Amino acid sequence: MLQRTEYEVDPQTEPCADVLVVRPAGEPHALVYIPPIKGSVPTVEVYAEAAEAESRAARLCETEGLLTYRVSDDHSGDWMRGLVARSAAPAA
């Protein structure tokens, strides 16, 4: 995994409830969107290769008893509707 970002949920908007693998055309990396599961916050993980991202998504769905993940090449970021980036913790 190259990067992991956690999000808050905008109370006005319902976040995407599906595990997604987003493979933007022309990009070398792929993203895994992890929806809120059992009280967790929504998370986006960045992987160097699509195969890594799909493996992570498959393991997550199996472990959590979720429906299979979806693959998207969505450039619009529509799947991120309702997510608000968490503020970084202040440096110590």
PDB file of N, CA and C in Angstrom:
ATOM      1  N   MET A   1       0.850  -1.171   0.000  1.00  0.00           N
ATOM      2  CA  MET A   1       0.000   0.000   0.000  1.00  0.00           C
ATOM      3  C   MET A   1       0.898   1.238   0.000  1.00  0.00           C
ATOM      4  N   LEU A   2       0.558   2.170  -0.851  1.00  0.00           N
ATOM      5  CA  LEU A   2       1.335   3.401  -0.948  1.00  0.00           C
ATOM      6  C   LEU A   2       0.830   4.487  -0.012  1.00  0.00           C
ATOM      7  N   GLN A   3      -0.492   4.523   0.193  1.00  0.00           N
ATOM      8  CA  GLN A   3      -1.082   5.598   1.003  1.00  0.00           C
ATOM      9  C   GLN A   3      -2.439   5.144   1.524  1.00  0.00           C
ATOM     10  N   ARG A   4      -2.812   5.667   2.704  1.00  0.00           N
ATOM     11  CA  ARG A   4      -4.125   5.381   3.298  1.00  0.00           C
ATOM     12  C   ARG A   4      -4.688   6.696   3.818  1.00  0.00           C
ATOM     13  N   THR A   5      -5.920   7.014   3.437  1.00  0.00           N
ATOM     14  CA  THR A   5      -6.563   8.242   3.877  1.00  0.00           C
ATOM     15  C   THR A   5      -7.918   7.899   4.483  1.00  0.00           C
ATOM     16  N   GLU A   6      -8.158   8.389   5.700  1.00  0.00           N
ATOM     17  CA  GLU A   6      -9.442   8.186   6.360  1.00  0.00           C
ATOM     18  C   GLU A   6     -10.306   9.424   6.182  1.00  0.00           C
ATOM     19  N   TYR A   7     -11.621   9.205   6.141  1.00  0.00           N
ATOM     20  CA  TYR A   7     -12.570  10.285   5.903  1.00  0.00           C
ATOM     21  C   TYR A   7     -13.647  10.308   6.975  1.00  0.00           C
ATOM     22  N   GLU A   8     -14.221  11.471   7.171  1.00  0.00           N
ATOM     23  CA  GLU A   8     -15.430  11.636   7.974  1.00  0.00           C
ATOM     24  C   GLU A   8     -16.596  11.571   6.997  1.00  0.00           C
ATOM     25  N   VAL A   9     -17.777  11.275   7.499  1.00  0.00           N
ATOM     26  CA  VAL A   9     -18.971  11.220   6.658  1.00  0.00           C
ATOM     27  C   VAL A   9     -19.791  12.481   6.881  1.00  0.00           C
ATOM     28  N   ASP A  10     -20.140  13.154   5.792  1.00  0.00           N
ATOM     29  CA  ASP A  10     -21.023  14.308   5.849  1.00  0.00           C
ATOM     30  C   ASP A  10     -22.401  13.804   6.271  1.00  0.00           C
ATOM     31  N   PRO A  11     -22.941  14.288   7.400  1.00  0.00           N
ATOM     32  CA  PRO A  11     -24.231  13.766   7.882  1.00  0.00           C
ATOM     33  C   PRO A  11     -25.389  14.039   6.924  1.00  0.00           C
ATOM     34  N   GLN A  12     -25.214  14.942   5.975  1.00  0.00           N
ATOM     35  CA  GLN A  12     -26.259  15.272   5.004  1.00  0.00           C
ATOM     36  C   GLN A  12     -26.313  14.277   3.841  1.00  0.00           C
ATOM     37  N   THR A  13     -25.260  13.456   3.671  1.00  0.00           N
ATOM     38  CA  THR A  13     -25.149  12.591   2.502  1.00  0.00           C
ATOM     39  C   THR A  13     -24.763  11.176   2.914  1.00  0.00           C
ATOM     40  N   GLU A  14     -25.428  10.210   2.354  1.00  0.00           N
ATOM     41  CA  GLU A  14     -25.116   8.803   2.614  1.00  0.00           C
ATOM     42  C   GLU A  14     -23.904   8.395   1.767  1.00  0.00           C
ATOM     43  N   PRO A  15     -22.853   7.872   2.385  1.00  0.00           N
ATOM     44  CA  PRO A  15     -21.674   7.483   1.598  1.00  0.00           C
ATOM     45  C   PRO A  15     -21.922   6.199   0.810  1.00  0.00           C
ATOM     46  N   CYS A  16     -21.119   5.963  -0.181  1.00  0.00           N
ATOM     47  CA  CYS A  16     -21.154   4.727  -0.960  1.00  0.00           C
ATOM     48  C   CYS A  16     -20.979   3.554   0.008  1.00  0.00           C
ATOM     49  N   ALA A  17     -21.779   2.518  -0.147  1.00  0.00           N
ATOM     50  CA  ALA A  17     -21.742   1.388   0.779  1.00  0.00           C
ATOM     51  C   ALA A  17     -20.991   0.179   0.216  1.00  0.00           C
ATOM     52  N   ASP A  18     -20.471   0.302  -0.997  1.00  0.00           N
ATOM     53  CA  ASP A  18     -19.787  -0.811  -1.652  1.00  0.00           C
ATOM     54  C   ASP A  18     -18.278  -0.678  -1.569  1.00  0.00           C
ATOM     55  N   VAL A  19     -17.594  -1.822  -1.512  1.00  0.00           N
ATOM     56  CA  VAL A  19     -16.142  -1.826  -1.662  1.00  0.00           C
ATOM     57  C   VAL A  19     -15.873  -1.628  -3.149  1.00  0.00           C
ATOM     58  N   LEU A  20     -15.022  -0.669  -3.469  1.00  0.00           N
ATOM     59  CA  LEU A  20     -14.711  -0.365  -4.867  1.00  0.00           C
ATOM     60  C   LEU A  20     -13.218  -0.455  -5.117  1.00  0.00           C
ATOM     61  N   VAL A  21     -12.863  -0.918  -6.299  1.00  0.00           N
ATOM     62  CA  VAL A  21     -11.502  -0.786  -6.809  1.00  0.00           C
ATOM     63  C   VAL A  21     -11.613   0.219  -7.946  1.00  0.00           C
ATOM     64  N   VAL A  22     -10.922   1.334  -7.815  1.00  0.00           N
ATOM     65  CA  VAL A  22     -10.984   2.388  -8.823  1.00  0.00           C
ATOM     66  C   VAL A  22      -9.658   2.377  -9.572  1.00  0.00           C
ATOM     67  N   ARG A  23      -9.760   2.148 -10.882  1.00  0.00           N
ATOM     68  CA  ARG A  23      -8.573   2.096 -11.739  1.00  0.00           C
ATOM     69  C   ARG A  23      -8.686   3.197 -12.784  1.00  0.00           C
ATOM     70  N   PRO A  24      -8.276   4.405 -12.424  1.00  0.00           N
ATOM     71  CA  PRO A  24      -8.379   5.504 -13.391  1.00  0.00           C
ATOM     72  C   PRO A  24      -7.539   5.234 -14.638  1.00  0.00           C
ATOM     73  N   ALA A  25      -8.138   5.422 -15.808  1.00  0.00           N
ATOM     74  CA  ALA A  25      -7.426   5.218 -17.066  1.00  0.00           C
ATOM     75  C   ALA A  25      -6.191   6.109 -17.121  1.00  0.00           C
ATOM     76  N   GLY A  26      -5.094   5.542 -17.548  1.00  0.00           N
ATOM     77  CA  GLY A  26      -3.862   6.304 -17.694  1.00  0.00           C
ATOM     78  C   GLY A  26      -3.076   6.470 -16.409  1.00  0.00           C
ATOM     79  N   GLU A  27      -3.597   5.989 -15.294  1.00  0.00           N
ATOM     80  CA  GLU A  27      -2.902   6.095 -14.010  1.00  0.00           C
ATOM     81  C   GLU A  27      -2.208   4.771 -13.707  1.00  0.00           C
ATOM     82  N   PRO A  28      -1.013   4.818 -13.149  1.00  0.00           N
ATOM     83  CA  PRO A  28      -0.289   3.576 -12.859  1.00  0.00           C
ATOM     84  C   PRO A  28      -0.783   2.863 -11.600  1.00  0.00           C
ATOM     85  N   HIS A  29      -1.512   3.555 -10.757  1.00  0.00           N
ATOM     86  CA  HIS A  29      -1.944   2.969  -9.497  1.00  0.00           C
ATOM     87  C   HIS A  29      -3.462   2.741  -9.476  1.00  0.00           C
ATOM     88  N   ALA A  30      -3.916   2.056  -8.440  1.00  0.00           N
ATOM     89  CA  ALA A  30      -5.342   1.799  -8.256  1.00  0.00           C
ATOM     90  C   ALA A  30      -5.715   2.109  -6.810  1.00  0.00           C
ATOM     91  N   LEU A  31      -6.968   2.448  -6.597  1.00  0.00           N
ATOM     92  CA  LEU A  31      -7.467   2.793  -5.270  1.00  0.00           C
ATOM     93  C   LEU A  31      -8.450   1.733  -4.798  1.00  0.00           C
ATOM     94  N   VAL A  32      -8.496   1.519  -3.493  1.00  0.00           N
ATOM     95  CA  VAL A  32      -9.539   0.695  -2.897  1.00  0.00           C
ATOM     96  C   VAL A  32     -10.321   1.606  -1.955  1.00  0.00           C
ATOM     97  N   TYR A  33     -11.624   1.733  -2.231  1.00  0.00           N
ATOM     98  CA  TYR A  33     -12.510   2.472  -1.332  1.00  0.00           C
ATOM     99  C   TYR A  33     -13.124   1.455  -0.389  1.00  0.00           C
ATOM    100  N   ILE A  34     -12.962   1.713   0.919  1.00  0.00           N
ATOM    101  CA  ILE A  34     -13.520   0.846   1.948  1.00  0.00           C
ATOM    102  C   ILE A  34     -14.615   1.650   2.665  1.00  0.00           C
ATOM    103  N   PRO A  35     -15.862   1.225   2.525  1.00  0.00           N
ATOM    104  CA  PRO A  35     -16.959   1.971   3.149  1.00  0.00           C
ATOM    105  C   PRO A  35     -16.942   1.802   4.667  1.00  0.00           C
ATOM    106  N   PRO A  36     -17.772   2.550   5.357  1.00  0.00           N
ATOM    107  CA  PRO A  36     -17.870   2.356   6.809  1.00  0.00           C
ATOM    108  C   PRO A  36     -18.311   0.910   7.093  1.00  0.00           C
ATOM    109  N   ILE A  37     -17.514   0.192   7.864  1.00  0.00           N
ATOM    110  CA  ILE A  37     -17.819  -1.193   8.226  1.00  0.00           C
ATOM    111  C   ILE A  37     -17.741  -1.309   9.740  1.00  0.00           C
ATOM    112  N   LYS A  38     -18.824  -1.761  10.349  1.00  0.00           N
ATOM    113  CA  LYS A  38     -18.849  -1.983  11.797  1.00  0.00           C
ATOM    114  C   LYS A  38     -18.348  -0.772  12.581  1.00  0.00           C
ATOM    115  N   GLY A  39     -18.820   0.409  12.201  1.00  0.00           N
ATOM    116  CA  GLY A  39     -18.465   1.627  12.925  1.00  0.00           C
ATOM    117  C   GLY A  39     -17.155   2.270  12.524  1.00  0.00           C
ATOM    118  N   SER A  40     -16.446   1.689  11.560  1.00  0.00           N
ATOM    119  CA  SER A  40     -15.183   2.297  11.112  1.00  0.00           C
ATOM    120  C   SER A  40     -15.474   3.497  10.203  1.00  0.00           C
ATOM    121  N   VAL A  41     -14.462   4.287   9.969  1.00  0.00           N
ATOM    122  CA  VAL A  41     -14.608   5.421   9.059  1.00  0.00           C
ATOM    123  C   VAL A  41     -14.291   4.966   7.641  1.00  0.00           C
ATOM    124  N   PRO A  42     -14.880   5.622   6.626  1.00  0.00           N
ATOM    125  CA  PRO A  42     -14.545   5.288   5.245  1.00  0.00           C
ATOM    126  C   PRO A  42     -13.063   5.561   4.991  1.00  0.00           C
ATOM    127  N   THR A  43     -12.450   4.723   4.184  1.00  0.00           N
ATOM    128  CA  THR A  43     -11.017   4.808   3.936  1.00  0.00           C
ATOM    129  C   THR A  43     -10.736   4.595   2.455  1.00  0.00           C
ATOM    130  N   VAL A  44      -9.711   5.276   1.951  1.00  0.00           N
ATOM    131  CA  VAL A  44      -9.216   5.033   0.599  1.00  0.00           C
ATOM    132  C   VAL A  44      -7.757   4.628   0.717  1.00  0.00           C
ATOM    133  N   GLU A  45      -7.425   3.486   0.118  1.00  0.00           N
ATOM    134  CA  GLU A  45      -6.049   3.005   0.102  1.00  0.00           C
ATOM    135  C   GLU A  45      -5.550   3.034  -1.337  1.00  0.00           C
ATOM    136  N   VAL A  46      -4.307   3.450  -1.523  1.00  0.00           N
ATOM    137  CA  VAL A  46      -3.710   3.538  -2.856  1.00  0.00           C
ATOM    138  C   VAL A  46      -2.695   2.411  -2.998  1.00  0.00           C
ATOM    139  N   TYR A  47      -2.772   1.685  -4.102  1.00  0.00           N
ATOM    140  CA  TYR A  47      -1.862   0.580  -4.398  1.00  0.00           C
ATOM    141  C   TYR A  47      -1.134   0.839  -5.711  1.00  0.00           C
ATOM    142  N   ALA A  48       0.087   0.327  -5.799  1.00  0.00           N
ATOM    143  CA  ALA A  48       0.913   0.547  -6.986  1.00  0.00           C
ATOM    144  C   ALA A  48       0.335  -0.149  -8.217  1.00  0.00           C
ATOM    145  N   GLU A  49      -0.328  -1.284  -8.010  1.00  0.00           N
ATOM    146  CA  GLU A  49      -0.850  -2.043  -9.142  1.00  0.00           C
ATOM    147  C   GLU A  49      -2.296  -2.449  -8.888  1.00  0.00           C
ATOM    148  N   ALA A  50      -3.047  -2.559  -9.964  1.00  0.00           N
ATOM    149  CA  ALA A  50      -4.455  -2.941  -9.863  1.00  0.00           C
ATOM    150  C   ALA A  50      -4.606  -4.323  -9.234  1.00  0.00           C
ATOM    151  N   ALA A  51      -3.707  -5.246  -9.529  1.00  0.00           N
ATOM    152  CA  ALA A  51      -3.803  -6.598  -8.966  1.00  0.00           C
ATOM    153  C   ALA A  51      -3.719  -6.560  -7.440  1.00  0.00           C
ATOM    154  N   GLU A  52      -2.864  -5.707  -6.900  1.00  0.00           N
ATOM    155  CA  GLU A  52      -2.756  -5.558  -5.437  1.00  0.00           C
ATOM    156  C   GLU A  52      -4.075  -5.037  -4.858  1.00  0.00           C
ATOM    157  N   ALA A  53      -4.631  -4.037  -5.523  1.00  0.00           N
ATOM    158  CA  ALA A  53      -5.884  -3.431  -5.060  1.00  0.00           C
ATOM    159  C   ALA A  53      -7.019  -4.447  -5.108  1.00  0.00           C
ATOM    160  N   GLU A  54      -7.106  -5.210  -6.174  1.00  0.00           N
ATOM    161  CA  GLU A  54      -8.172  -6.198  -6.291  1.00  0.00           C
ATOM    162  C   GLU A  54      -8.014  -7.316  -5.270  1.00  0.00           C
ATOM    163  N   SER A  55      -6.782  -7.705  -4.983  1.00  0.00           N
ATOM    164  CA  SER A  55      -6.532  -8.717  -3.963  1.00  0.00           C
ATOM    165  C   SER A  55      -6.986  -8.222  -2.590  1.00  0.00           C
ATOM    166  N   ARG A  56      -6.659  -6.965  -2.259  1.00  0.00           N
ATOM    167  CA  ARG A  56      -7.061  -6.368  -0.986  1.00  0.00           C
ATOM    168  C   ARG A  56      -8.582  -6.321  -0.870  1.00  0.00           C
ATOM    169  N   ALA A  57      -9.240  -5.885  -1.951  1.00  0.00           N
ATOM    170  CA  ALA A  57     -10.698  -5.780  -1.945  1.00  0.00           C
ATOM    171  C   ALA A  57     -11.339  -7.161  -1.776  1.00  0.00           C
ATOM    172  N   ALA A  58     -10.817  -8.164  -2.457  1.00  0.00           N
ATOM    173  CA  ALA A  58     -11.368  -9.514  -2.355  1.00  0.00           C
ATOM    174  C   ALA A  58     -11.219 -10.065  -0.942  1.00  0.00           C
ATOM    175  N   ARG A  59     -10.039  -9.872  -0.331  1.00  0.00           N
ATOM    176  CA  ARG A  59      -9.821 -10.340   1.041  1.00  0.00           C
ATOM    177  C   ARG A  59     -10.765  -9.639   2.010  1.00  0.00           C
ATOM    178  N   LEU A  60     -10.927  -8.322   1.840  1.00  0.00           N
ATOM    179  CA  LEU A  60     -11.812  -7.551   2.711  1.00  0.00           C
ATOM    180  C   LEU A  60     -13.253  -8.056   2.608  1.00  0.00           C
ATOM    181  N   CYS A  61     -13.734  -8.258   1.392  1.00  0.00           N
ATOM    182  CA  CYS A  61     -15.110  -8.729   1.198  1.00  0.00           C
ATOM    183  C   CYS A  61     -15.292 -10.101   1.828  1.00  0.00           C
ATOM    184  N   GLU A  62     -14.322 -10.971   1.662  1.00  0.00           N
ATOM    185  CA  GLU A  62     -14.417 -12.315   2.236  1.00  0.00           C
ATOM    186  C   GLU A  62     -14.393 -12.259   3.762  1.00  0.00           C
ATOM    187  N   THR A  63     -13.464 -11.509   4.318  1.00  0.00           N
ATOM    188  CA  THR A  63     -13.316 -11.409   5.770  1.00  0.00           C
ATOM    189  C   THR A  63     -14.548 -10.810   6.429  1.00  0.00           C
ATOM    190  N   GLU A  64     -15.120  -9.777   5.815  1.00  0.00           N
ATOM    191  CA  GLU A  64     -16.244  -9.053   6.403  1.00  0.00           C
ATOM    192  C   GLU A  64     -17.608  -9.587   5.970  1.00  0.00           C
ATOM    193  N   GLY A  65     -17.620 -10.594   5.097  1.00  0.00           N
ATOM    194  CA  GLY A  65     -18.887 -11.149   4.637  1.00  0.00           C
ATOM    195  C   GLY A  65     -19.671 -10.203   3.748  1.00  0.00           C
ATOM    196  N   LEU A  66     -18.953  -9.380   2.982  1.00  0.00           N
ATOM    197  CA  LEU A  66     -19.590  -8.399   2.097  1.00  0.00           C
ATOM    198  C   LEU A  66     -19.791  -8.975   0.709  1.00  0.00           C
ATOM    199  N   LEU A  67     -20.688  -8.362  -0.051  1.00  0.00           N
ATOM    200  CA  LEU A  67     -20.836  -8.725  -1.456  1.00  0.00           C
ATOM    201  C   LEU A  67     -19.522  -8.449  -2.167  1.00  0.00           C
ATOM    202  N   THR A  68     -19.331  -9.039  -3.300  1.00  0.00           N
ATOM    203  CA  THR A  68     -18.101  -8.846  -4.047  1.00  0.00           C
ATOM    204  C   THR A  68     -17.870  -7.371  -4.364  1.00  0.00           C
ATOM    205  N   TYR A  69     -16.628  -6.987  -4.506  1.00  0.00           N
ATOM    206  CA  TYR A  69     -16.283  -5.597  -4.804  1.00  0.00           C
ATOM    207  C   TYR A  69     -16.628  -5.257  -6.246  1.00  0.00           C
ATOM    208  N   ARG A  70     -16.729  -3.963  -6.506  1.00  0.00           N
ATOM    209  CA  ARG A  70     -16.959  -3.470  -7.869  1.00  0.00           C
ATOM    210  C   ARG A  70     -15.692  -2.806  -8.379  1.00  0.00           C
ATOM    211  N   VAL A  71     -15.492  -2.851  -9.692  1.00  0.00           N
ATOM    212  CA  VAL A  71     -14.357  -2.185 -10.319  1.00  0.00           C
ATOM    213  C   VAL A  71     -14.893  -1.005 -11.117  1.00  0.00           C
ATOM    214  N   SER A  72     -14.214   0.138 -10.990  1.00  0.00           N
ATOM    215  CA  SER A  72     -14.662   1.355 -11.659  1.00  0.00           C
ATOM    216  C   SER A  72     -13.466   2.094 -12.246  1.00  0.00           C
ATOM    217  N   ASP A  73     -13.705   2.819 -13.320  1.00  0.00           N
ATOM    218  CA  ASP A  73     -12.686   3.727 -13.848  1.00  0.00           C
ATOM    219  C   ASP A  73     -13.172   5.166 -13.713  1.00  0.00           C
ATOM    220  N   ASP A  74     -14.024   5.389 -12.720  1.00  0.00           N
ATOM    221  CA  ASP A  74     -14.676   6.677 -12.475  1.00  0.00           C
ATOM    222  C   ASP A  74     -13.670   7.783 -12.183  1.00  0.00           C
ATOM    223  N   HIS A  75     -13.565   8.722 -13.109  1.00  0.00           N
ATOM    224  CA  HIS A  75     -12.697   9.889 -12.900  1.00  0.00           C
ATOM    225  C   HIS A  75     -13.411  10.994 -12.130  1.00  0.00           C
ATOM    226  N   SER A  76     -14.738  10.931 -12.079  1.00  0.00           N
ATOM    227  CA  SER A  76     -15.508  12.025 -11.478  1.00  0.00           C
ATOM    228  C   SER A  76     -15.395  12.052  -9.966  1.00  0.00           C
ATOM    229  N   GLY A  77     -15.060  10.893  -9.376  1.00  0.00           N
ATOM    230  CA  GLY A  77     -15.016  10.844  -7.919  1.00  0.00           C
ATOM    231  C   GLY A  77     -16.396  10.799  -7.308  1.00  0.00           C
ATOM    232  N   ASP A  78     -17.413  10.478  -8.109  1.00  0.00           N
ATOM    233  CA  ASP A  78     -18.788  10.439  -7.610  1.00  0.00           C
ATOM    234  C   ASP A  78     -18.934   9.483  -6.428  1.00  0.00           C
ATOM    235  N   TRP A  79     -18.130   8.437  -6.408  1.00  0.00           N
ATOM    236  CA  TRP A  79     -18.172   7.470  -5.308  1.00  0.00           C
ATOM    237  C   TRP A  79     -17.690   8.078  -3.995  1.00  0.00           C
ATOM    238  N   MET A  80     -17.060   9.252  -4.052  1.00  0.00           N
ATOM    239  CA  MET A  80     -16.575   9.929  -2.842  1.00  0.00           C
ATOM    240  C   MET A  80     -17.595  10.916  -2.272  1.00  0.00           C
ATOM    241  N   ARG A  81     -18.769  10.976  -2.883  1.00  0.00           N
ATOM    242  CA  ARG A  81     -19.810  11.898  -2.402  1.00  0.00           C
ATOM    243  C   ARG A  81     -20.116  11.589  -0.936  1.00  0.00           C
ATOM    244  N   GLY A  82     -20.167  12.607  -0.128  1.00  0.00           N
ATOM    245  CA  GLY A  82     -20.475  12.450   1.291  1.00  0.00           C
ATOM    246  C   GLY A  82     -19.265  12.254   2.183  1.00  0.00           C
ATOM    247  N   LEU A  83     -18.069  12.231   1.590  1.00  0.00           N
ATOM    248  CA  LEU A  83     -16.850  12.058   2.385  1.00  0.00           C
ATOM    249  C   LEU A  83     -16.145  13.382   2.568  1.00  0.00           C
ATOM    250  N   VAL A  84     -15.631  13.603   3.769  1.00  0.00           N
ATOM    251  CA  VAL A  84     -14.894  14.817   4.082  1.00  0.00           C
ATOM    252  C   VAL A  84     -13.543  14.374   4.649  1.00  0.00           C
ATOM    253  N   ALA A  85     -12.464  14.858   4.029  1.00  0.00           N
ATOM    254  CA  ALA A  85     -11.129  14.465   4.493  1.00  0.00           C
ATOM    255  C   ALA A  85     -10.933  14.835   5.949  1.00  0.00           C
ATOM    256  N   ARG A  86     -10.356  13.921   6.698  1.00  0.00           N
ATOM    257  CA  ARG A  86     -10.063  14.188   8.103  1.00  0.00           C
ATOM    258  C   ARG A  86      -8.904  15.174   8.203  1.00  0.00           C
ATOM    259  N   SER A  87      -8.950  16.015   9.197  1.00  0.00           N
ATOM    260  CA  SER A  87      -7.853  16.954   9.434  1.00  0.00           C
ATOM    261  C   SER A  87      -6.645  16.171   9.938  1.00  0.00           C
ATOM    262  N   ALA A  88      -5.482  16.573   9.489  1.00  0.00           N
ATOM    263  CA  ALA A  88      -4.241  15.937   9.959  1.00  0.00           C
ATOM    264  C   ALA A  88      -4.011  16.311  11.411  1.00  0.00           C
ATOM    265  N   ALA A  89      -3.485  15.385  12.154  1.00  0.00           N
ATOM    266  CA  ALA A  89      -3.169  15.650  13.559  1.00  0.00           C
ATOM    267  C   ALA A  89      -2.005  16.617  13.617  1.00  0.00           C
ATOM    268  N   PRO A  90      -2.005  17.551  14.568  1.00  0.00           N
ATOM    269  CA  PRO A  90      -0.906  18.493  14.669  1.00  0.00           C
ATOM    270  C   PRO A  90       0.407  17.775  15.018  1.00  0.00           C
ATOM    271  N   ALA A  91       1.479  18.291  14.456  1.00  0.00           N
ATOM    272  CA  ALA A  91       2.795  17.703  14.717  1.00  0.00           C
ATOM    273  C   ALA A  91       3.161  17.876  16.191  1.00  0.00           C
ATOM    274  N   ALA A  92       3.793  16.867  16.748  1.00  0.00           N
ATOM    275  CA  ALA A  92       4.177  16.917  18.158  1.00  0.00           C
ATOM    276  C   ALA A  92       5.477  17.677  18.357  1.00  0.00           C
TER     277      ALA A  92
END
